[in-house]
C-alpha atoms as a PDB file:
ATOM      1  CA  UNK A   1      12.823 169.869 -73.622  1.00  0.00           C
ATOM      2  CA  UNK A   2      14.042 166.442 -74.589  1.00  0.00           C
ATOM      3  CA  UNK A   3      13.006 163.836 -72.220  1.00  0.00           C
ATOM      4  CA  UNK A   4      15.099 160.622 -71.412  1.00  0.00           C
ATOM      5  CA  UNK A   5      13.767 158.365 -74.406  1.00  0.00           C
ATOM      6  CA  UNK A   6      15.528 161.435 -76.541  1.00  0.00           C
ATOM      7  CA  UNK A   7      11.669 162.598 -77.583  1.00  0.00           C
ATOM      8  CA  UNK A   8      10.468 166.622 -77.354  1.00  0.00           C
ATOM      9  CA  UNK A   9       7.842 167.026 -74.601  1.00  0.00           C
ATOM     10  CA  UNK A  10       4.192 167.352 -76.353  1.00  0.00           C
ATOM     11  CA  UNK A  11       3.644 170.274 -74.382  1.00  0.00           C
ATOM     12  CA  UNK A  12       7.123 172.024 -75.816  1.00  0.00           C
ATOM     13  CA  UNK A  13       6.342 170.770 -79.279  1.00  0.00           C
ATOM     14  CA  UNK A  14       3.194 172.881 -79.264  1.00  0.00           C
ATOM     15  CA  UNK A  15       5.007 175.881 -77.829  1.00  0.00           C
ATOM     16  CA  UNK A  16       7.265 175.770 -80.290  1.00  0.00           C
ATOM     17  CA  UNK A  17       4.472 175.744 -83.106  1.00  0.00           C
ATOM     18  CA  UNK A  18       2.481 178.715 -81.387  1.00  0.00           C
ATOM     19  CA  UNK A  19       6.165 180.613 -81.315  1.00  0.00           C
ATOM     20  CA  UNK A  20       6.417 179.923 -85.328  1.00  0.00           C
ATOM     21  CA  UNK A  21       2.909 180.448 -85.794  1.00  0.00           C
ATOM     22  CA  UNK A  22       2.934 183.933 -84.427  1.00  0.00           C
ATOM     23  CA  UNK A  23       6.519 185.043 -86.000  1.00  0.00           C
ATOM     24  CA  UNK A  24       4.622 184.152 -89.449  1.00  0.00           C
ATOM     25  CA  UNK A  25       1.669 186.369 -88.756  1.00  0.00           C
ATOM     26  CA  UNK A  26       4.134 189.130 -87.254  1.00  0.00           C
ATOM     27  CA  UNK A  27       6.093 188.610 -90.961  1.00  0.00           C
ATOM     28  CA  UNK A  28       3.427 189.229 -92.851  1.00  0.00           C
ATOM     29  CA  UNK A  29       1.006 191.341 -91.229  1.00  0.00           C
ATOM     30  CA  UNK A  30       0.246 194.474 -93.260  1.00  0.00           C
ATOM     31  CA  UNK A  31       0.833 197.755 -91.715  1.00  0.00           C
ATOM     32  CA  UNK A  32      -2.348 199.958 -91.882  1.00  0.00           C
ATOM     33  CA  UNK A  33      -2.251 203.173 -93.171  1.00  0.00           C
ATOM     34  CA  UNK A  34      -4.822 204.778 -90.603  1.00  0.00           C
ATOM     35  CA  UNK A  35      -5.187 203.870 -86.764  1.00  0.00           C
ATOM     36  CA  UNK A  36      -7.428 205.180 -83.748  1.00  0.00           C
ATOM     37  CA  UNK A  37      -3.816 205.770 -82.137  1.00  0.00           C
ATOM     38  CA  UNK A  38      -2.046 207.822 -84.794  1.00  0.00           C
ATOM     39  CA  UNK A  39      -5.353 209.667 -85.391  1.00  0.00           C
ATOM     40  CA  UNK A  40      -5.469 210.624 -81.541  1.00  0.00           C
ATOM     41  CA  UNK A  41      -1.737 211.676 -81.375  1.00  0.00           C
ATOM     42  CA  UNK A  42      -2.087 213.949 -84.741  1.00  0.00           C
ATOM     43  CA  UNK A  43      -5.361 215.732 -83.057  1.00  0.00           C
ATOM     44  CA  UNK A  44      -3.071 216.379 -80.104  1.00  0.00           C
ATOM     45  CA  UNK A  45       0.099 217.539 -81.978  1.00  0.00           C
ATOM     46  CA  UNK A  46      -0.566 219.370 -85.451  1.00  0.00           C
ATOM     47  CA  UNK A  47      -1.909 222.836 -86.137  1.00  0.00           C
ATOM     48  CA  UNK A  48      -4.533 221.185 -89.169  1.00  0.00           C
ATOM     49  CA  UNK A  49      -7.934 219.751 -88.807  1.00  0.00           C
ATOM     50  CA  UNK A  50      -7.204 215.989 -88.330  1.00  0.00           C
ATOM     51  CA  UNK A  51      -9.954 214.148 -89.928  1.00  0.00           C
ATOM     52  CA  UNK A  52     -11.964 211.578 -87.302  1.00  0.00           C
ATOM     53  CA  UNK A  53     -11.029 208.203 -87.207  1.00  0.00           C
ATOM     54  CA  UNK A  54     -14.463 206.480 -88.150  1.00  0.00           C
ATOM     55  CA  UNK A  55     -14.521 209.244 -91.044  1.00  0.00           C
ATOM     56  CA  UNK A  56     -11.166 208.946 -92.886  1.00  0.00           C
ATOM     57  CA  UNK A  57     -11.803 207.624 -96.049  1.00  0.00           C
ATOM     58  CA  UNK A  58      -8.653 205.652 -95.959  1.00  0.00           C
ATOM     59  CA  UNK A  59      -9.601 203.783 -93.130  1.00  0.00           C
ATOM     60  CA  UNK A  60      -8.565 199.927 -94.144  1.00  0.00           C
ATOM     61  CA  UNK A  61      -6.415 200.573 -96.237  1.00  0.00           C
ATOM     62  CA  UNK A  62      -2.634 199.040 -95.915  1.00  0.00           C
ATOM     63  CA  UNK A  63       0.169 201.050 -96.427  1.00  0.00           C
ATOM     64  CA  UNK A  64       1.188 199.212 -99.363  1.00  0.00           C
ATOM     65  CA  UNK A  65      -2.276 199.326-101.008  1.00  0.00           C
ATOM     66  CA  UNK A  66      -1.940 203.437-100.387  1.00  0.00           C
ATOM     67  CA  UNK A  67       1.590 203.340-102.410  1.00  0.00           C
ATOM     68  CA  UNK A  68       0.330 202.020-105.270  1.00  0.00           C
ATOM     69  CA  UNK A  69      -1.862 205.005-106.226  1.00  0.00           C
ATOM     70  CA  UNK A  70       0.994 207.444-105.128  1.00  0.00           C
ATOM     71  CA  UNK A  71       3.975 208.340-107.760  1.00  0.00           C
ATOM     72  CA  UNK A  72       6.854 206.097-107.083  1.00  0.00           C
ATOM     73  CA  UNK A  73       8.857 207.575-109.397  1.00  0.00           C
ATOM     74  CA  UNK A  74      11.657 210.008-108.444  1.00  0.00           C
ATOM     75  CA  UNK A  75      11.359 213.634-109.499  1.00  0.00           C
ATOM     76  CA  UNK A  76      14.232 215.311-111.718  1.00  0.00           C
ATOM     77  CA  UNK A  77      16.441 217.582-109.631  1.00  0.00           C
ATOM     78  CA  UNK A  78      15.643 221.309-110.803  1.00  0.00           C
ATOM     79  CA  UNK A  79      17.544 224.079-109.362  1.00  0.00           C
ATOM     80  CA  UNK A  80      15.742 226.989-108.341  1.00  0.00           C
ATOM     81  CA  UNK A  81      15.611 229.891-106.461  1.00  0.00           C
ATOM     82  CA  UNK A  82      14.834 229.395-102.432  1.00  0.00           C
ATOM     83  CA  UNK A  83      11.101 230.182-102.080  1.00  0.00           C
ATOM     84  CA  UNK A  84      10.894 232.206 -99.153  1.00  0.00           C
ATOM     85  CA  UNK A  85      10.776 235.270-101.474  1.00  0.00           C
ATOM     86  CA  UNK A  86       7.797 233.869-103.156  1.00  0.00           C
ATOM     87  CA  UNK A  87       5.609 234.787-100.344  1.00  0.00           C
ATOM     88  CA  UNK A  88       6.126 238.324-100.069  1.00  0.00           C
ATOM     89  CA  UNK A  89       5.507 238.259-103.720  1.00  0.00           C
ATOM     90  CA  UNK A  90       2.193 236.641-103.878  1.00  0.00           C
ATOM     91  CA  UNK A  91      -0.240 235.746-100.738  1.00  0.00           C
ATOM     92  CA  UNK A  92      -2.684 232.969-101.289  1.00  0.00           C
ATOM     93  CA  UNK A  93      -5.251 235.345-100.665  1.00  0.00           C
ATOM     94  CA  UNK A  94      -4.437 237.055-103.810  1.00  0.00           C
ATOM     95  CA  UNK A  95      -5.444 235.093-106.191  1.00  0.00           C
ATOM     96  CA  UNK A  96      -8.870 232.786-106.075  1.00  0.00           C
ATOM     97  CA  UNK A  97      -9.386 231.120-109.186  1.00  0.00           C
ATOM     98  CA  UNK A  98     -12.879 229.868-107.620  1.00  0.00           C
ATOM     99  CA  UNK A  99     -14.022 233.473-107.365  1.00  0.00           C
ATOM    100  CA  UNK A 100     -12.441 235.176-110.468  1.00  0.00           C
ATOM    101  CA  UNK A 101     -13.995 232.390-112.296  1.00  0.00           C
ATOM    102  CA  UNK A 102     -16.452 230.267-110.959  1.00  0.00           C
ATOM    103  CA  UNK A 103     -17.984 229.518-114.340  1.00  0.00           C
ATOM    104  CA  UNK A 104     -14.754 227.278-114.758  1.00  0.00           C
ATOM    105  CA  UNK A 105     -14.995 225.527-111.765  1.00  0.00           C
ATOM    106  CA  UNK A 106     -15.266 221.468-112.402  1.00  0.00           C
ATOM    107  CA  UNK A 107     -16.579 218.619-110.538  1.00  0.00           C
ATOM    108  CA  UNK A 108     -14.254 217.081-108.249  1.00  0.00           C
ATOM    109  CA  UNK A 109     -13.222 213.691-109.600  1.00  0.00           C
ATOM    110  CA  UNK A 110     -11.534 210.383-107.852  1.00  0.00           C
ATOM    111  CA  UNK A 111      -8.954 208.994-109.245  1.00  0.00           C
ATOM    112  CA  UNK A 112      -9.796 205.306-107.631  1.00  0.00           C
ATOM    113  CA  UNK A 113      -7.101 202.927-107.229  1.00  0.00           C
ATOM    114  CA  UNK A 114      -5.042 203.898-109.926  1.00  0.00           C
ATOM    115  CA  UNK A 115      -1.499 205.926-109.722  1.00  0.00           C
ATOM    116  CA  UNK A 116      -2.898 208.453-111.994  1.00  0.00           C
ATOM    117  CA  UNK A 117      -2.906 211.850-109.786  1.00  0.00           C
ATOM    118  CA  UNK A 118      -0.469 213.098-112.654  1.00  0.00           C
ATOM    119  CA  UNK A 119      -3.070 212.605-115.260  1.00  0.00           C
ATOM    120  CA  UNK A 120      -5.734 214.430-113.136  1.00  0.00           C
ATOM    121  CA  UNK A 121      -3.135 217.613-112.490  1.00  0.00           C
ATOM    122  CA  UNK A 122      -2.589 217.924-115.944  1.00  0.00           C
ATOM    123  CA  UNK A 123      -5.989 217.359-117.560  1.00  0.00           C
ATOM    124  CA  UNK A 124      -7.512 219.528-114.879  1.00  0.00           C
ATOM    125  CA  UNK A 125      -5.257 222.145-115.587  1.00  0.00           C
ATOM    126  CA  UNK A 126      -5.915 221.909-118.929  1.00  0.00           C
ATOM    127  CA  UNK A 127      -9.497 222.139-118.444  1.00  0.00           C
ATOM    128  CA  UNK A 128      -9.209 225.260-116.294  1.00  0.00           C
ATOM    129  CA  UNK A 129      -7.110 227.088-118.922  1.00  0.00           C
ATOM    130  CA  UNK A 130      -9.148 225.783-121.984  1.00  0.00           C
ATOM    131  CA  UNK A 131     -12.431 227.582-120.323  1.00  0.00           C
ATOM    132  CA  UNK A 132     -10.702 230.714-118.886  1.00  0.00           C
ATOM    133  CA  UNK A 133      -9.335 231.068-122.636  1.00  0.00           C
ATOM    134  CA  UNK A 134     -12.244 229.495-125.086  1.00  0.00           C
ATOM    135  CA  UNK A 135     -15.076 229.183-122.714  1.00  0.00           C
ATOM    136  CA  UNK A 136     -16.090 226.000-120.711  1.00  0.00           C
ATOM    137  CA  UNK A 137     -15.284 222.585-122.530  1.00  0.00           C
ATOM    138  CA  UNK A 138     -15.847 221.049-119.529  1.00  0.00           C
ATOM    139  CA  UNK A 139     -13.829 218.456-118.042  1.00  0.00           C
ATOM    140  CA  UNK A 140     -11.115 216.843-120.276  1.00  0.00           C
ATOM    141  CA  UNK A 141     -10.188 213.226-119.912  1.00  0.00           C
ATOM    142  CA  UNK A 142      -7.621 212.277-117.537  1.00  0.00           C
ATOM    143  CA  UNK A 143      -8.299 208.721-118.813  1.00  0.00           C
ATOM    144  CA  UNK A 144      -6.959 210.123-122.392  1.00  0.00           C
ATOM    145  CA  UNK A 145      -3.640 210.396-120.369  1.00  0.00           C
ATOM    146  CA  UNK A 146      -3.786 207.373-118.755  1.00  0.00           C
ATOM    147  CA  UNK A 147      -4.535 205.623-121.995  1.00  0.00           C
ATOM    148  CA  UNK A 148      -2.572 207.170-124.838  1.00  0.00           C
ATOM    149  CA  UNK A 149       0.505 209.116-123.063  1.00  0.00           C
ATOM    150  CA  UNK A 150       3.110 206.609-123.758  1.00  0.00           C
ATOM    151  CA  UNK A 151       5.953 208.743-122.027  1.00  0.00           C
ATOM    152  CA  UNK A 152       4.023 208.204-118.767  1.00  0.00           C
ATOM    153  CA  UNK A 153       3.004 204.997-117.473  1.00  0.00           C
ATOM    154  CA  UNK A 154      -0.738 205.053-116.908  1.00  0.00           C
ATOM    155  CA  UNK A 155      -1.939 203.800-113.346  1.00  0.00           C
ATOM    156  CA  UNK A 156       1.997 203.027-112.786  1.00  0.00           C
ATOM    157  CA  UNK A 157       2.380 206.995-112.333  1.00  0.00           C
ATOM    158  CA  UNK A 158       4.047 209.292-114.372  1.00  0.00           C
ATOM    159  CA  UNK A 159       4.660 213.290-114.498  1.00  0.00           C
ATOM    160  CA  UNK A 160       2.217 216.006-114.875  1.00  0.00           C
ATOM    161  CA  UNK A 161       4.420 217.964-117.062  1.00  0.00           C
ATOM    162  CA  UNK A 162       4.836 214.938-119.360  1.00  0.00           C
ATOM    163  CA  UNK A 163       1.022 215.074-119.467  1.00  0.00           C
ATOM    164  CA  UNK A 164       1.090 218.585-120.230  1.00  0.00           C
ATOM    165  CA  UNK A 165       3.531 217.889-123.385  1.00  0.00           C
ATOM    166  CA  UNK A 166       0.659 215.765-124.390  1.00  0.00           C
ATOM    167  CA  UNK A 167      -2.108 218.043-124.522  1.00  0.00           C
ATOM    168  CA  UNK A 168       0.494 220.731-126.047  1.00  0.00           C
ATOM    169  CA  UNK A 169       0.894 218.384-128.992  1.00  0.00           C
ATOM    170  CA  UNK A 170      -2.530 216.532-129.256  1.00  0.00           C
ATOM    171  CA  UNK A 171      -5.230 218.395-127.090  1.00  0.00           C
ATOM    172  CA  UNK A 172      -7.544 216.280-125.068  1.00  0.00           C
ATOM    173  CA  UNK A 173     -10.998 214.964-125.609  1.00  0.00           C
ATOM    174  CA  UNK A 174     -13.855 215.682-123.153  1.00  0.00           C
ATOM    175  CA  UNK A 175     -14.806 213.455-120.318  1.00  0.00           C
ATOM    176  CA  UNK A 176     -18.257 212.465-122.423  1.00  0.00           C
ATOM    177  CA  UNK A 177     -16.031 211.503-125.246  1.00  0.00           C
ATOM    178  CA  UNK A 178     -13.783 209.016-122.730  1.00  0.00           C
ATOM    179  CA  UNK A 179     -15.030 208.995-119.425  1.00  0.00           C
ATOM    180  CA  UNK A 180     -12.750 207.951-116.754  1.00  0.00           C
ATOM    181  CA  UNK A 181     -12.071 203.879-115.721  1.00  0.00           C
ATOM    182  CA  UNK A 182      -9.183 204.059-113.172  1.00  0.00           C
ATOM    183  CA  UNK A 183      -7.058 201.391-115.131  1.00  0.00           C
ATOM    184  CA  UNK A 184      -5.020 200.865-118.122  1.00  0.00           C
ATOM    185  CA  UNK A 185      -6.358 200.206-121.404  1.00  0.00           C
ATOM    186  CA  UNK A 186      -5.775 200.596-125.062  1.00  0.00           C
ATOM    187  CA  UNK A 187      -5.795 204.081-126.524  1.00  0.00           C
ATOM    188  CA  UNK A 188      -9.040 204.247-128.285  1.00  0.00           C
ATOM    189  CA  UNK A 189      -9.842 205.045-131.480  1.00  0.00           C
ATOM    190  CA  UNK A 190     -13.342 206.445-131.032  1.00  0.00           C
ATOM    191  CA  UNK A 191     -15.487 208.120-128.236  1.00  0.00           C
ATOM    192  CA  UNK A 192     -17.620 206.610-126.059  1.00  0.00           C
ATOM    193  CA  UNK A 193     -20.297 209.117-126.667  1.00  0.00           C
ATOM    194  CA  UNK A 194     -20.663 207.935-130.622  1.00  0.00           C
ATOM    195  CA  UNK A 195     -18.452 211.030-131.599  1.00  0.00           C
ATOM    196  CA  UNK A 196     -15.396 210.861-133.752  1.00  0.00           C
ATOM    197  CA  UNK A 197     -12.247 210.682-131.953  1.00  0.00           C
ATOM    198  CA  UNK A 198     -10.076 212.897-133.700  1.00  0.00           C
ATOM    199  CA  UNK A 199     -12.267 215.702-134.238  1.00  0.00           C
ATOM    200  CA  UNK A 200     -13.306 215.322-130.575  1.00  0.00           C
ATOM    201  CA  UNK A 201     -10.144 216.695-129.226  1.00  0.00           C
ATOM    202  CA  UNK A 202     -10.006 220.433-127.781  1.00  0.00           C
ATOM    203  CA  UNK A 203      -7.333 222.675-126.265  1.00  0.00           C
ATOM    204  CA  UNK A 204      -4.653 222.110-127.962  1.00  0.00           C
ATOM    205  CA  UNK A 205      -1.877 225.063-126.938  1.00  0.00           C
ATOM    206  CA  UNK A 206       0.802 226.787-128.102  1.00  0.00           C
ATOM    207  CA  UNK A 207       3.205 225.848-125.352  1.00  0.00           C
ATOM    208  CA  UNK A 208       3.639 224.564-121.638  1.00  0.00           C
ATOM    209  CA  UNK A 209       5.592 226.948-119.577  1.00  0.00           C
ATOM    210  CA  UNK A 210       7.950 225.738-116.674  1.00  0.00           C
ATOM    211  CA  UNK A 211       6.899 228.326-113.445  1.00  0.00           C
ATOM    212  CA  UNK A 212      10.753 227.823-111.849  1.00  0.00           C
ATOM    213  CA  UNK A 213      11.501 230.710-109.420  1.00  0.00           C
ATOM    214  CA  UNK A 214       9.471 233.203-107.458  1.00  0.00           C
ATOM    215  CA  UNK A 215       8.953 235.858-110.086  1.00  0.00           C
ATOM    216  CA  UNK A 216       8.134 232.836-112.648  1.00  0.00           C
ATOM    217  CA  UNK A 217       5.590 231.073-110.415  1.00  0.00           C
ATOM    218  CA  UNK A 218       3.873 234.456-109.448  1.00  0.00           C
ATOM    219  CA  UNK A 219       3.160 235.365-112.891  1.00  0.00           C
ATOM    220  CA  UNK A 220       1.951 231.721-114.216  1.00  0.00           C
ATOM    221  CA  UNK A 221      -0.694 231.798-111.016  1.00  0.00           C
ATOM    222  CA  UNK A 222      -1.633 235.239-112.247  1.00  0.00           C
ATOM    223  CA  UNK A 223      -2.941 233.712-115.630  1.00  0.00           C
ATOM    224  CA  UNK A 224      -4.408 230.443-114.310  1.00  0.00           C
ATOM    225  CA  UNK A 225      -4.255 227.448-112.169  1.00  0.00           C
ATOM    226  CA  UNK A 226      -0.834 225.412-112.604  1.00  0.00           C
ATOM    227  CA  UNK A 227       0.450 221.466-111.980  1.00  0.00           C
ATOM    228  CA  UNK A 228       2.281 221.035-108.964  1.00  0.00           C
ATOM    229  CA  UNK A 229       3.807 217.872-107.100  1.00  0.00           C
ATOM    230  CA  UNK A 230       4.304 217.347-103.328  1.00  0.00           C
ATOM    231  CA  UNK A 231       5.807 214.341-101.146  1.00  0.00           C
ATOM    232  CA  UNK A 232       3.199 212.706 -99.367  1.00  0.00           C
ATOM    233  CA  UNK A 233       3.927 211.385 -95.972  1.00  0.00           C
ATOM    234  CA  UNK A 234       1.766 209.426 -93.423  1.00  0.00           C
ATOM    235  CA  UNK A 235       0.225 212.098 -91.442  1.00  0.00           C
ATOM    236  CA  UNK A 236      -1.400 213.647 -94.483  1.00  0.00           C
ATOM    237  CA  UNK A 237      -3.797 210.666 -94.852  1.00  0.00           C
ATOM    238  CA  UNK A 238      -5.192 211.714 -92.148  1.00  0.00           C
ATOM    239  CA  UNK A 239      -5.691 215.455 -93.500  1.00  0.00           C
ATOM    240  CA  UNK A 240      -9.463 216.923 -92.984  1.00  0.00           C
ATOM    241  CA  UNK A 241      -9.025 220.983 -93.520  1.00  0.00           C
ATOM    242  CA  UNK A 242      -6.668 223.911 -92.954  1.00  0.00           C
ATOM    243  CA  UNK A 243      -3.172 224.600 -94.124  1.00  0.00           C
ATOM    244  CA  UNK A 244      -1.026 221.385 -94.121  1.00  0.00           C
ATOM    245  CA  UNK A 245       2.293 221.035 -92.152  1.00  0.00           C
ATOM    246  CA  UNK A 246       4.545 218.039 -92.208  1.00  0.00           C
ATOM    247  CA  UNK A 247       4.632 217.033 -88.645  1.00  0.00           C
ATOM    248  CA  UNK A 248       8.205 215.467 -89.363  1.00  0.00           C
ATOM    249  CA  UNK A 249       7.287 212.390 -87.992  1.00  0.00           C
ATOM    250  CA  UNK A 250       6.000 209.951 -90.563  1.00  0.00           C
ATOM    251  CA  UNK A 251       7.942 208.417 -93.147  1.00  0.00           C
ATOM    252  CA  UNK A 252       7.709 209.398 -97.046  1.00  0.00           C
ATOM    253  CA  UNK A 253       4.905 207.236 -99.083  1.00  0.00           C
ATOM    254  CA  UNK A 254       5.654 208.462-102.281  1.00  0.00           C
ATOM    255  CA  UNK A 255       4.912 211.426-104.450  1.00  0.00           C
ATOM    256  CA  UNK A 256       1.507 213.065-105.695  1.00  0.00           C
ATOM    257  CA  UNK A 257       0.625 215.643-108.439  1.00  0.00           C
ATOM    258  CA  UNK A 258      -1.822 218.356-107.839  1.00  0.00           C
END
C-alpha cells in the first residue's frame, strides 16, 4: 500500500520481503528422496517389504544426489521377443548359484557416490564366471573399469556390456591389485599391492554373449550369472526385501546395472 506521501508502508514492505524470501526458498529447496510420508504410503500399497524410515540407507539424500549415482544414458533400443514365454521356460527357483557354487559367492561391495553400477555388474559377472570356470580369483576390480575403460564414462555412467567387452579384450586385475576408490582417476601402470600390473590381469575371455530372447536368456542363466539393466523409480529406494514390483506411481530417476 502506498500512503498519501507516495511511500510504501513499512509493514507492507516487510510482507513483500517475506513473500519473496519464501518463494526463493521454495525455488531452491531440494526434493528429498525418502520421506516418512512416502514410507508410510508404500507400506500400505505395495506387496514387497518396505524399509523403515529410520533404517533407510538413503534417508537424507536428495533426489538429485541419488540421480548422480544412476546411469542417465538412454539404453539402446533392442528388439526382442515378449518376456512372458520366458517365465514358463525358467522359474527363479530353478537356478540358484549361491547353492550350486557357494564357493564362488563374493562379498558385497558398495559403489558409493559414483555412478559405477555398470562396472560392478561387469566385474561381478566376470568374477563369478571366472571362478566357475577356472577357480576363485577373488573379486575382480570394478575400479579398473572405472579408470581404464574409455568407452564408458567412469563415475558418469556406462554400459555393462561395454564393460564386458573390456574384460573380453583385457581381463581384469584382482581387487587386491586395484582396490575400489569410488572416483575417476587415471588408469594405473602398477598394482597397489606391488605386483606387476600387466601380469596381474586374469579372466580374459573368448567372447561376450548377448542373451536376447527367452531361449537365449534361459541358456545363459544355466551357465552362470549374467548382467542386466533396470529402470529405477522413486519407490525402489524404499525396498527392503521380497519381489519388487514398480507401483506405477513414482517417476523414473535413471537406470541401474545389476
